[in-house]
C-alpha atoms as a PDB file:
ATOM      1  CA  UNK A   1      -0.094   1.359 -43.462  1.00  0.00           C
ATOM      2  CA  UNK A   2       3.681   1.444 -43.802  1.00  0.00           C
ATOM      3  CA  UNK A   3       5.685  -0.332 -41.086  1.00  0.00           C
ATOM      4  CA  UNK A   4       7.592   2.818 -40.093  1.00  0.00           C
ATOM      5  CA  UNK A   5       4.400   4.847 -39.850  1.00  0.00           C
ATOM      6  CA  UNK A   6       2.660   2.068 -37.894  1.00  0.00           C
ATOM      7  CA  UNK A   7       5.559   1.888 -35.446  1.00  0.00           C
ATOM      8  CA  UNK A   8       5.489   5.647 -35.020  1.00  0.00           C
ATOM      9  CA  UNK A   9       1.743   5.573 -34.387  1.00  0.00           C
ATOM     10  CA  UNK A  10       2.027   2.837 -31.782  1.00  0.00           C
ATOM     11  CA  UNK A  11       4.929   4.592 -30.082  1.00  0.00           C
ATOM     12  CA  UNK A  12       3.015   7.860 -30.035  1.00  0.00           C
ATOM     13  CA  UNK A  13      -0.056   6.161 -28.592  1.00  0.00           C
ATOM     14  CA  UNK A  14       2.057   4.523 -25.899  1.00  0.00           C
ATOM     15  CA  UNK A  15       3.711   7.818 -24.962  1.00  0.00           C
ATOM     16  CA  UNK A  16       0.331   9.547 -24.893  1.00  0.00           C
ATOM     17  CA  UNK A  17      -1.079   6.808 -22.651  1.00  0.00           C
ATOM     18  CA  UNK A  18       1.809   6.968 -20.200  1.00  0.00           C
ATOM     19  CA  UNK A  19       1.870  10.745 -20.005  1.00  0.00           C
ATOM     20  CA  UNK A  20      -1.918  10.830 -19.584  1.00  0.00           C
ATOM     21  CA  UNK A  21      -1.722   8.783 -16.401  1.00  0.00           C
ATOM     22  CA  UNK A  22      -1.711  10.958 -13.262  1.00  0.00           C
ATOM     23  CA  UNK A  23       1.665  11.022 -11.536  1.00  0.00           C
ATOM     24  CA  UNK A  24       2.428  10.870  -7.807  1.00  0.00           C
ATOM     25  CA  UNK A  25       1.874  14.609  -7.341  1.00  0.00           C
ATOM     26  CA  UNK A  26      -1.535  14.472  -9.016  1.00  0.00           C
ATOM     27  CA  UNK A  27      -2.483  11.425  -6.962  1.00  0.00           C
ATOM     28  CA  UNK A  28      -1.624  13.260  -3.739  1.00  0.00           C
ATOM     29  CA  UNK A  29      -3.687  16.258  -4.797  1.00  0.00           C
ATOM     30  CA  UNK A  30      -6.609  14.016  -5.657  1.00  0.00           C
ATOM     31  CA  UNK A  31      -6.337  12.178  -2.345  1.00  0.00           C
ATOM     32  CA  UNK A  32      -6.350  15.501  -0.493  1.00  0.00           C
ATOM     33  CA  UNK A  33      -9.406  16.609  -2.469  1.00  0.00           C
ATOM     34  CA  UNK A  34     -11.170  13.424  -1.344  1.00  0.00           C
ATOM     35  CA  UNK A  35     -10.057  13.773   2.301  1.00  0.00           C
ATOM     36  CA  UNK A  36     -13.669  13.763   3.470  1.00  0.00           C
ATOM     37  CA  UNK A  37     -14.127  10.376   1.819  1.00  0.00           C
ATOM     38  CA  UNK A  38     -11.065   9.053   3.666  1.00  0.00           C
ATOM     39  CA  UNK A  39     -12.543  10.333   6.921  1.00  0.00           C
ATOM     40  CA  UNK A  40     -15.895   8.667   6.205  1.00  0.00           C
ATOM     41  CA  UNK A  41     -14.254   5.360   5.279  1.00  0.00           C
ATOM     42  CA  UNK A  42     -12.207   5.496   8.485  1.00  0.00           C
ATOM     43  CA  UNK A  43     -15.346   6.140  10.537  1.00  0.00           C
ATOM     44  CA  UNK A  44     -17.052   3.260   8.731  1.00  0.00           C
ATOM     45  CA  UNK A  45     -14.195   0.875   9.537  1.00  0.00           C
ATOM     46  CA  UNK A  46     -14.268   1.874  13.212  1.00  0.00           C
ATOM     47  CA  UNK A  47     -18.037   1.462  13.432  1.00  0.00           C
ATOM     48  CA  UNK A  48     -18.004  -1.935  11.710  1.00  0.00           C
ATOM     49  CA  UNK A  49     -15.293  -3.180  14.049  1.00  0.00           C
ATOM     50  CA  UNK A  50     -17.389  -2.551  17.150  1.00  0.00           C
ATOM     51  CA  UNK A  51     -20.882  -2.888  15.668  1.00  0.00           C
ATOM     52  CA  UNK A  52     -23.073  -4.980  17.943  1.00  0.00           C
ATOM     53  CA  UNK A  53     -20.330  -5.204  20.549  1.00  0.00           C
ATOM     54  CA  UNK A  54     -21.276  -4.607  24.169  1.00  0.00           C
ATOM     55  CA  UNK A  55     -17.796  -3.531  25.267  1.00  0.00           C
ATOM     56  CA  UNK A  56     -17.040  -1.563  22.097  1.00  0.00           C
ATOM     57  CA  UNK A  57     -13.653   0.150  22.091  1.00  0.00           C
ATOM     58  CA  UNK A  58     -12.768  -1.582  25.370  1.00  0.00           C
ATOM     59  CA  UNK A  59     -11.797  -4.602  23.258  1.00  0.00           C
ATOM     60  CA  UNK A  60      -8.774  -2.658  22.046  1.00  0.00           C
ATOM     61  CA  UNK A  61      -7.655  -2.665  25.683  1.00  0.00           C
ATOM     62  CA  UNK A  62      -8.703  -6.151  26.734  1.00  0.00           C
ATOM     63  CA  UNK A  63      -6.971  -7.952  23.877  1.00  0.00           C
ATOM     64  CA  UNK A  64      -3.414  -6.710  24.636  1.00  0.00           C
ATOM     65  CA  UNK A  65      -4.025  -7.120  28.373  1.00  0.00           C
ATOM     66  CA  UNK A  66      -5.008 -10.755  27.909  1.00  0.00           C
ATOM     67  CA  UNK A  67      -1.975 -11.422  25.713  1.00  0.00           C
ATOM     68  CA  UNK A  68       0.227  -9.666  28.254  1.00  0.00           C
ATOM     69  CA  UNK A  69      -1.064 -11.902  31.045  1.00  0.00           C
ATOM     70  CA  UNK A  70      -0.492 -15.073  29.020  1.00  0.00           C
ATOM     71  CA  UNK A  71       3.009 -14.202  27.790  1.00  0.00           C
ATOM     72  CA  UNK A  72       4.106 -12.893  31.180  1.00  0.00           C
ATOM     73  CA  UNK A  73       2.969 -16.100  32.847  1.00  0.00           C
ATOM     74  CA  UNK A  74       4.625 -18.342  30.240  1.00  0.00           C
ATOM     75  CA  UNK A  75       7.940 -16.587  29.615  1.00  0.00           C
ATOM     76  CA  UNK A  76       8.596 -14.875  32.942  1.00  0.00           C
ATOM     77  CA  UNK A  77       6.836 -16.892  35.629  1.00  0.00           C
ATOM     78  CA  UNK A  78       6.818 -20.507  34.439  1.00  0.00           C
ATOM     79  CA  UNK A  79       9.743 -20.839  32.019  1.00  0.00           C
ATOM     80  CA  UNK A  80      11.911 -18.019  33.425  1.00  0.00           C
ATOM     81  CA  UNK A  81      13.192 -17.415  29.894  1.00  0.00           C
ATOM     82  CA  UNK A  82      13.090 -13.628  30.163  1.00  0.00           C
ATOM     83  CA  UNK A  83      14.098 -11.950  33.402  1.00  0.00           C
ATOM     84  CA  UNK A  84      13.529  -8.225  33.309  1.00  0.00           C
ATOM     85  CA  UNK A  85      11.777  -6.049  35.905  1.00  0.00           C
ATOM     86  CA  UNK A  86       8.222  -4.965  35.139  1.00  0.00           C
ATOM     87  CA  UNK A  87       8.057  -7.485  32.322  1.00  0.00           C
ATOM     88  CA  UNK A  88       4.325  -6.891  31.937  1.00  0.00           C
ATOM     89  CA  UNK A  89       4.955  -3.299  30.827  1.00  0.00           C
ATOM     90  CA  UNK A  90       7.595  -4.468  28.376  1.00  0.00           C
ATOM     91  CA  UNK A  91       5.176  -6.944  26.792  1.00  0.00           C
ATOM     92  CA  UNK A  92       2.220  -4.569  26.560  1.00  0.00           C
ATOM     93  CA  UNK A  93       4.213  -1.941  24.673  1.00  0.00           C
ATOM     94  CA  UNK A  94       5.503  -4.520  22.207  1.00  0.00           C
ATOM     95  CA  UNK A  95       2.114  -6.117  21.645  1.00  0.00           C
ATOM     96  CA  UNK A  96       0.428  -2.778  20.966  1.00  0.00           C
ATOM     97  CA  UNK A  97       2.994  -1.824  18.329  1.00  0.00           C
ATOM     98  CA  UNK A  98       2.889  -5.284  16.752  1.00  0.00           C
ATOM     99  CA  UNK A  99      -0.919  -5.418  16.660  1.00  0.00           C
ATOM    100  CA  UNK A 100      -1.056  -2.091  14.838  1.00  0.00           C
ATOM    101  CA  UNK A 101       1.372  -3.358  12.197  1.00  0.00           C
ATOM    102  CA  UNK A 102       0.020  -6.890  11.710  1.00  0.00           C
ATOM    103  CA  UNK A 103      -3.674  -5.960  11.740  1.00  0.00           C
ATOM    104  CA  UNK A 104      -3.089  -3.156   9.252  1.00  0.00           C
ATOM    105  CA  UNK A 105      -1.288  -5.428   6.787  1.00  0.00           C
ATOM    106  CA  UNK A 106      -3.871  -8.204   7.105  1.00  0.00           C
ATOM    107  CA  UNK A 107      -6.789  -5.862   6.466  1.00  0.00           C
ATOM    108  CA  UNK A 108      -5.044  -3.858   3.752  1.00  0.00           C
ATOM    109  CA  UNK A 109      -4.293  -7.010   1.770  1.00  0.00           C
ATOM    110  CA  UNK A 110      -8.001  -7.499   1.067  1.00  0.00           C
ATOM    111  CA  UNK A 111      -9.033  -3.839   0.842  1.00  0.00           C
ATOM    112  CA  UNK A 112      -9.129  -3.897  -2.983  1.00  0.00           C
ATOM    113  CA  UNK A 113     -10.112  -7.510  -3.623  1.00  0.00           C
ATOM    114  CA  UNK A 114     -13.109  -7.342  -1.275  1.00  0.00           C
ATOM    115  CA  UNK A 115     -14.533  -4.189  -2.904  1.00  0.00           C
ATOM    116  CA  UNK A 116     -14.642  -4.972  -6.651  1.00  0.00           C
ATOM    117  CA  UNK A 117     -18.117  -3.509  -7.245  1.00  0.00           C
ATOM    118  CA  UNK A 118     -17.263  -0.248  -5.512  1.00  0.00           C
ATOM    119  CA  UNK A 119     -14.031   0.115  -7.470  1.00  0.00           C
ATOM    120  CA  UNK A 120     -15.540  -0.717 -10.864  1.00  0.00           C
ATOM    121  CA  UNK A 121     -18.710   1.396 -10.573  1.00  0.00           C
ATOM    122  CA  UNK A 122     -17.622   4.541  -8.721  1.00  0.00           C
ATOM    123  CA  UNK A 123     -14.575   6.668  -9.416  1.00  0.00           C
ATOM    124  CA  UNK A 124     -12.607   7.714  -6.357  1.00  0.00           C
ATOM    125  CA  UNK A 125      -8.960   7.538  -5.263  1.00  0.00           C
ATOM    126  CA  UNK A 126      -8.577   3.800  -4.644  1.00  0.00           C
ATOM    127  CA  UNK A 127      -5.756   4.338  -2.175  1.00  0.00           C
ATOM    128  CA  UNK A 128      -8.395   5.696   0.207  1.00  0.00           C
ATOM    129  CA  UNK A 129      -9.477   2.104   0.974  1.00  0.00           C
ATOM    130  CA  UNK A 130      -6.216   0.786   2.482  1.00  0.00           C
ATOM    131  CA  UNK A 131      -5.282   4.176   3.948  1.00  0.00           C
ATOM    132  CA  UNK A 132      -8.603   4.441   5.795  1.00  0.00           C
ATOM    133  CA  UNK A 133      -7.863   1.059   7.373  1.00  0.00           C
ATOM    134  CA  UNK A 134      -4.436   2.334   8.410  1.00  0.00           C
ATOM    135  CA  UNK A 135      -5.971   5.360  10.108  1.00  0.00           C
ATOM    136  CA  UNK A 136      -8.677   3.273  11.794  1.00  0.00           C
ATOM    137  CA  UNK A 137      -6.084   0.896  13.222  1.00  0.00           C
ATOM    138  CA  UNK A 138      -3.966   3.888  14.199  1.00  0.00           C
ATOM    139  CA  UNK A 139      -6.840   5.198  16.329  1.00  0.00           C
ATOM    140  CA  UNK A 140      -7.245   1.766  17.914  1.00  0.00           C
ATOM    141  CA  UNK A 141      -3.506   1.829  18.653  1.00  0.00           C
ATOM    142  CA  UNK A 142      -3.368   5.325  20.142  1.00  0.00           C
ATOM    143  CA  UNK A 143      -6.093   4.796  22.749  1.00  0.00           C
ATOM    144  CA  UNK A 144      -4.386   1.944  24.668  1.00  0.00           C
ATOM    145  CA  UNK A 145      -0.956   3.509  24.084  1.00  0.00           C
ATOM    146  CA  UNK A 146      -1.981   6.701  25.901  1.00  0.00           C
ATOM    147  CA  UNK A 147      -3.468   4.642  28.710  1.00  0.00           C
ATOM    148  CA  UNK A 148      -0.260   2.607  28.915  1.00  0.00           C
ATOM    149  CA  UNK A 149       1.791   5.782  29.412  1.00  0.00           C
ATOM    150  CA  UNK A 150      -0.554   6.832  32.237  1.00  0.00           C
ATOM    151  CA  UNK A 151      -0.276   3.401  33.867  1.00  0.00           C
ATOM    152  CA  UNK A 152       3.526   3.512  33.619  1.00  0.00           C
ATOM    153  CA  UNK A 153       3.599   6.758  35.592  1.00  0.00           C
ATOM    154  CA  UNK A 154       1.138   5.395  38.173  1.00  0.00           C
ATOM    155  CA  UNK A 155       3.113   2.147  38.542  1.00  0.00           C
ATOM    156  CA  UNK A 156       6.338   4.181  38.823  1.00  0.00           C
ATOM    157  CA  UNK A 157       7.994   2.388  35.948  1.00  0.00           C
ATOM    158  CA  UNK A 158      11.126   4.462  35.140  1.00  0.00           C
ATOM    159  CA  UNK A 159      10.081   6.803  32.332  1.00  0.00           C
ATOM    160  CA  UNK A 160      12.603   9.491  31.459  1.00  0.00           C
ATOM    161  CA  UNK A 161      12.761  12.577  29.293  1.00  0.00           C
ATOM    162  CA  UNK A 162      13.238  10.317  26.263  1.00  0.00           C
ATOM    163  CA  UNK A 163       9.442   9.971  26.276  1.00  0.00           C
ATOM    164  CA  UNK A 164       9.357  13.146  24.153  1.00  0.00           C
ATOM    165  CA  UNK A 165      10.463  10.956  21.229  1.00  0.00           C
ATOM    166  CA  UNK A 166       7.346   8.767  21.479  1.00  0.00           C
ATOM    167  CA  UNK A 167       5.345  10.867  18.951  1.00  0.00           C
ATOM    168  CA  UNK A 168       8.250  10.587  16.493  1.00  0.00           C
ATOM    169  CA  UNK A 169       8.323   6.801  16.836  1.00  0.00           C
ATOM    170  CA  UNK A 170       4.535   6.581  16.533  1.00  0.00           C
ATOM    171  CA  UNK A 171       4.478   8.699  13.361  1.00  0.00           C
ATOM    172  CA  UNK A 172       7.354   6.663  11.922  1.00  0.00           C
ATOM    173  CA  UNK A 173       5.336   3.479  12.425  1.00  0.00           C
ATOM    174  CA  UNK A 174       2.287   5.154  10.901  1.00  0.00           C
ATOM    175  CA  UNK A 175       4.335   5.885   7.768  1.00  0.00           C
ATOM    176  CA  UNK A 176       5.620   2.302   7.775  1.00  0.00           C
ATOM    177  CA  UNK A 177       2.101   0.889   7.957  1.00  0.00           C
ATOM    178  CA  UNK A 178       0.787   3.252   5.269  1.00  0.00           C
ATOM    179  CA  UNK A 179       3.567   2.306   2.861  1.00  0.00           C
ATOM    180  CA  UNK A 180       3.265  -1.427   3.334  1.00  0.00           C
ATOM    181  CA  UNK A 181      -0.534  -1.252   3.269  1.00  0.00           C
ATOM    182  CA  UNK A 182      -0.348   0.218  -0.234  1.00  0.00           C
ATOM    183  CA  UNK A 183       2.207  -2.402  -1.267  1.00  0.00           C
ATOM    184  CA  UNK A 184       0.264  -5.462  -0.116  1.00  0.00           C
ATOM    185  CA  UNK A 185      -3.091  -4.044  -1.258  1.00  0.00           C
ATOM    186  CA  UNK A 186      -1.774  -3.405  -4.774  1.00  0.00           C
ATOM    187  CA  UNK A 187       0.108  -6.693  -5.153  1.00  0.00           C
ATOM    188  CA  UNK A 188      -2.682  -8.866  -3.735  1.00  0.00           C
ATOM    189  CA  UNK A 189      -4.901  -7.841  -6.668  1.00  0.00           C
ATOM    190  CA  UNK A 190      -2.504  -9.665  -9.021  1.00  0.00           C
ATOM    191  CA  UNK A 191      -1.299 -12.369  -6.616  1.00  0.00           C
ATOM    192  CA  UNK A 192      -4.119 -13.479  -4.327  1.00  0.00           C
ATOM    193  CA  UNK A 193      -1.843 -15.890  -2.449  1.00  0.00           C
ATOM    194  CA  UNK A 194      -0.328 -12.904  -0.623  1.00  0.00           C
ATOM    195  CA  UNK A 195      -3.410 -12.811   1.609  1.00  0.00           C
ATOM    196  CA  UNK A 196      -2.694 -16.346   2.833  1.00  0.00           C
ATOM    197  CA  UNK A 197       1.069 -15.891   2.899  1.00  0.00           C
ATOM    198  CA  UNK A 198       0.654 -12.946   5.261  1.00  0.00           C
ATOM    199  CA  UNK A 199      -1.063 -15.135   7.839  1.00  0.00           C
ATOM    200  CA  UNK A 200       1.901 -17.507   7.983  1.00  0.00           C
ATOM    201  CA  UNK A 201       4.552 -14.826   7.522  1.00  0.00           C
ATOM    202  CA  UNK A 202       3.230 -12.662  10.342  1.00  0.00           C
ATOM    203  CA  UNK A 203       3.160 -15.628  12.708  1.00  0.00           C
ATOM    204  CA  UNK A 204       6.840 -16.302  12.073  1.00  0.00           C
ATOM    205  CA  UNK A 205       7.765 -12.616  12.147  1.00  0.00           C
ATOM    206  CA  UNK A 206       6.104 -12.219  15.557  1.00  0.00           C
ATOM    207  CA  UNK A 207       8.737 -14.422  17.221  1.00  0.00           C
ATOM    208  CA  UNK A 208      11.604 -12.953  15.193  1.00  0.00           C
ATOM    209  CA  UNK A 209      10.721  -9.450  16.419  1.00  0.00           C
ATOM    210  CA  UNK A 210      11.735  -8.330  19.946  1.00  0.00           C
ATOM    211  CA  UNK A 211       8.197  -8.112  21.273  1.00  0.00           C
ATOM    212  CA  UNK A 212       8.522 -10.576  24.136  1.00  0.00           C
ATOM    213  CA  UNK A 213      12.249 -10.223  24.768  1.00  0.00           C
ATOM    214  CA  UNK A 214      14.826  -7.418  24.777  1.00  0.00           C
ATOM    215  CA  UNK A 215      17.247  -7.611  21.875  1.00  0.00           C
ATOM    216  CA  UNK A 216      20.372  -7.615  24.037  1.00  0.00           C
ATOM    217  CA  UNK A 217      22.991 -10.299  24.623  1.00  0.00           C
ATOM    218  CA  UNK A 218      22.641 -10.021  28.400  1.00  0.00           C
ATOM    219  CA  UNK A 219      18.928 -10.865  28.423  1.00  0.00           C
ATOM    220  CA  UNK A 220      18.735 -13.439  25.617  1.00  0.00           C
ATOM    221  CA  UNK A 221      19.220 -17.136  26.444  1.00  0.00           C
ATOM    222  CA  UNK A 222      22.704 -18.394  25.590  1.00  0.00           C
ATOM    223  CA  UNK A 223      21.333 -20.604  22.794  1.00  0.00           C
ATOM    224  CA  UNK A 224      19.798 -17.566  21.053  1.00  0.00           C
ATOM    225  CA  UNK A 225      22.777 -15.205  21.298  1.00  0.00           C
ATOM    226  CA  UNK A 226      24.493 -16.402  18.076  1.00  0.00           C
ATOM    227  CA  UNK A 227      21.388 -15.268  16.164  1.00  0.00           C
ATOM    228  CA  UNK A 228      21.479 -11.739  17.609  1.00  0.00           C
ATOM    229  CA  UNK A 229      23.101 -10.119  14.506  1.00  0.00           C
ATOM    230  CA  UNK A 230      20.426 -11.682  12.268  1.00  0.00           C
ATOM    231  CA  UNK A 231      17.615 -10.544  14.562  1.00  0.00           C
ATOM    232  CA  UNK A 232      18.943  -6.990  14.377  1.00  0.00           C
ATOM    233  CA  UNK A 233      18.483  -7.044  10.590  1.00  0.00           C
ATOM    234  CA  UNK A 234      14.722  -7.282  11.046  1.00  0.00           C
ATOM    235  CA  UNK A 235      13.433  -3.733  10.343  1.00  0.00           C
ATOM    236  CA  UNK A 236      10.672  -4.128  12.923  1.00  0.00           C
ATOM    237  CA  UNK A 237      13.337  -4.606  15.590  1.00  0.00           C
ATOM    238  CA  UNK A 238      14.379  -0.972  15.079  1.00  0.00           C
ATOM    239  CA  UNK A 239      10.864   0.203  15.911  1.00  0.00           C
ATOM    240  CA  UNK A 240      10.414  -2.119  18.888  1.00  0.00           C
ATOM    241  CA  UNK A 241      13.821  -1.209  20.304  1.00  0.00           C
ATOM    242  CA  UNK A 242      12.865   2.468  20.159  1.00  0.00           C
ATOM    243  CA  UNK A 243       9.486   1.828  21.798  1.00  0.00           C
ATOM    244  CA  UNK A 244      11.071  -0.207  24.592  1.00  0.00           C
ATOM    245  CA  UNK A 245      13.773   2.404  25.159  1.00  0.00           C
ATOM    246  CA  UNK A 246      11.379   5.298  25.746  1.00  0.00           C
ATOM    247  CA  UNK A 247       8.492   3.387  27.354  1.00  0.00           C
ATOM    248  CA  UNK A 248      10.212   0.735  29.427  1.00  0.00           C
ATOM    249  CA  UNK A 249      13.892   1.428  29.989  1.00  0.00           C
ATOM    250  CA  UNK A 250      13.527   5.206  30.268  1.00  0.00           C
ATOM    251  CA  UNK A 251      16.558   5.767  28.049  1.00  0.00           C
ATOM    252  CA  UNK A 252      17.199   7.414  24.699  1.00  0.00           C
ATOM    253  CA  UNK A 253      16.910   5.035  21.753  1.00  0.00           C
ATOM    254  CA  UNK A 254      20.054   3.775  20.114  1.00  0.00           C
ATOM    255  CA  UNK A 255      21.097   6.315  17.490  1.00  0.00           C
ATOM    256  CA  UNK A 256      21.492   3.670  14.792  1.00  0.00           C
ATOM    257  CA  UNK A 257      18.072   2.132  15.534  1.00  0.00           C
ATOM    258  CA  UNK A 258      16.437   5.549  15.443  1.00  0.00           C
ATOM    259  CA  UNK A 259      18.124   6.533  12.185  1.00  0.00           C
ATOM    260  CA  UNK A 260      17.341   3.219  10.486  1.00  0.00           C
ATOM    261  CA  UNK A 261      13.730   3.423  11.644  1.00  0.00           C
ATOM    262  CA  UNK A 262      13.227   6.910  10.200  1.00  0.00           C
ATOM    263  CA  UNK A 263      14.925   6.080   6.900  1.00  0.00           C
ATOM    264  CA  UNK A 264      12.988   2.839   6.497  1.00  0.00           C
ATOM    265  CA  UNK A 265       9.688   4.634   7.204  1.00  0.00           C
ATOM    266  CA  UNK A 266      10.352   7.220   4.511  1.00  0.00           C
ATOM    267  CA  UNK A 267      11.431   4.536   2.033  1.00  0.00           C
ATOM    268  CA  UNK A 268       8.378   2.405   2.845  1.00  0.00           C
ATOM    269  CA  UNK A 269       5.784   5.118   2.327  1.00  0.00           C
ATOM    270  CA  UNK A 270       7.581   6.336  -0.814  1.00  0.00           C
ATOM    271  CA  UNK A 271       7.884   2.860  -2.316  1.00  0.00           C
ATOM    272  CA  UNK A 272       4.301   2.002  -1.452  1.00  0.00           C
ATOM    273  CA  UNK A 273       2.879   5.119  -3.051  1.00  0.00           C
ATOM    274  CA  UNK A 274       5.032   4.862  -6.182  1.00  0.00           C
ATOM    275  CA  UNK A 275       4.105   1.192  -6.632  1.00  0.00           C
ATOM    276  CA  UNK A 276       0.427   2.021  -6.279  1.00  0.00           C
ATOM    277  CA  UNK A 277       0.694   4.880  -8.808  1.00  0.00           C
ATOM    278  CA  UNK A 278       2.363   2.529 -11.282  1.00  0.00           C
ATOM    279  CA  UNK A 279      -0.221  -0.247 -10.880  1.00  0.00           C
ATOM    280  CA  UNK A 280      -3.269   2.022 -10.506  1.00  0.00           C
ATOM    281  CA  UNK A 281      -4.336   1.943 -14.216  1.00  0.00           C
ATOM    282  CA  UNK A 282      -4.495  -1.880 -14.146  1.00  0.00           C
ATOM    283  CA  UNK A 283      -6.153  -2.332 -10.751  1.00  0.00           C
ATOM    284  CA  UNK A 284      -9.848  -1.766 -11.678  1.00  0.00           C
ATOM    285  CA  UNK A 285      -9.726  -4.421 -14.394  1.00  0.00           C
ATOM    286  CA  UNK A 286      -7.656  -6.912 -12.367  1.00  0.00           C
ATOM    287  CA  UNK A 287      -9.702  -6.642  -9.219  1.00  0.00           C
END
């Protein structure tokens, strides 16, 4: 075969291969067509989480309550590091939001690598695996969050009209978790160390995110105030600041925090889906 003709054949085959791969729009249509599968996988994840458990879904309440008691005792009672009224409510809201994010990423990282036989033998939209985990964790997040709002009213913690923004913040975090779940699930197939890196990275990120302390100069210890501009660069701080504003302080979130949160959520879910679509043809073989 002549070199020019061979090159043309290879180029044509490459173009045909690329154009034959379903694009983002086709992937979304396919995912919608398999929506019942996503629902079943979500139900499976919820059942497995509480299978054989006596308390069942009550664990989603007890875990943040126990953490709240420990952190309140350490930071507010014993060390007097953070001095804000109703500190327990402040901590619970932060822990719930953080647990949704960290648990989702940890589980999504292994959603492909732990199901190689299912992926290689049965055709289905692979993104259903990490997304079902996102939805399952979202359900586990909503239950204690609703109860927290009820408790805030009963305890007469100042909750204002800004509470109407809570669904917006919750949906923004859902988009954030969905996007990053697709990112870590896709990349872990090719770089298995991500699973272990997440364990360490999330531990560090926990203390760099305003979960246990308000991100204001007046409430931070003097030694930590020089790091305030760097802490504000943490995208999760935008979400936590918005949660604390509407749940704890009873005020409207900072406009910049709210805008950055919404933009970052859209970018996260878009980047996650586009990365998955690009890597999808190689995932079944690599997994």
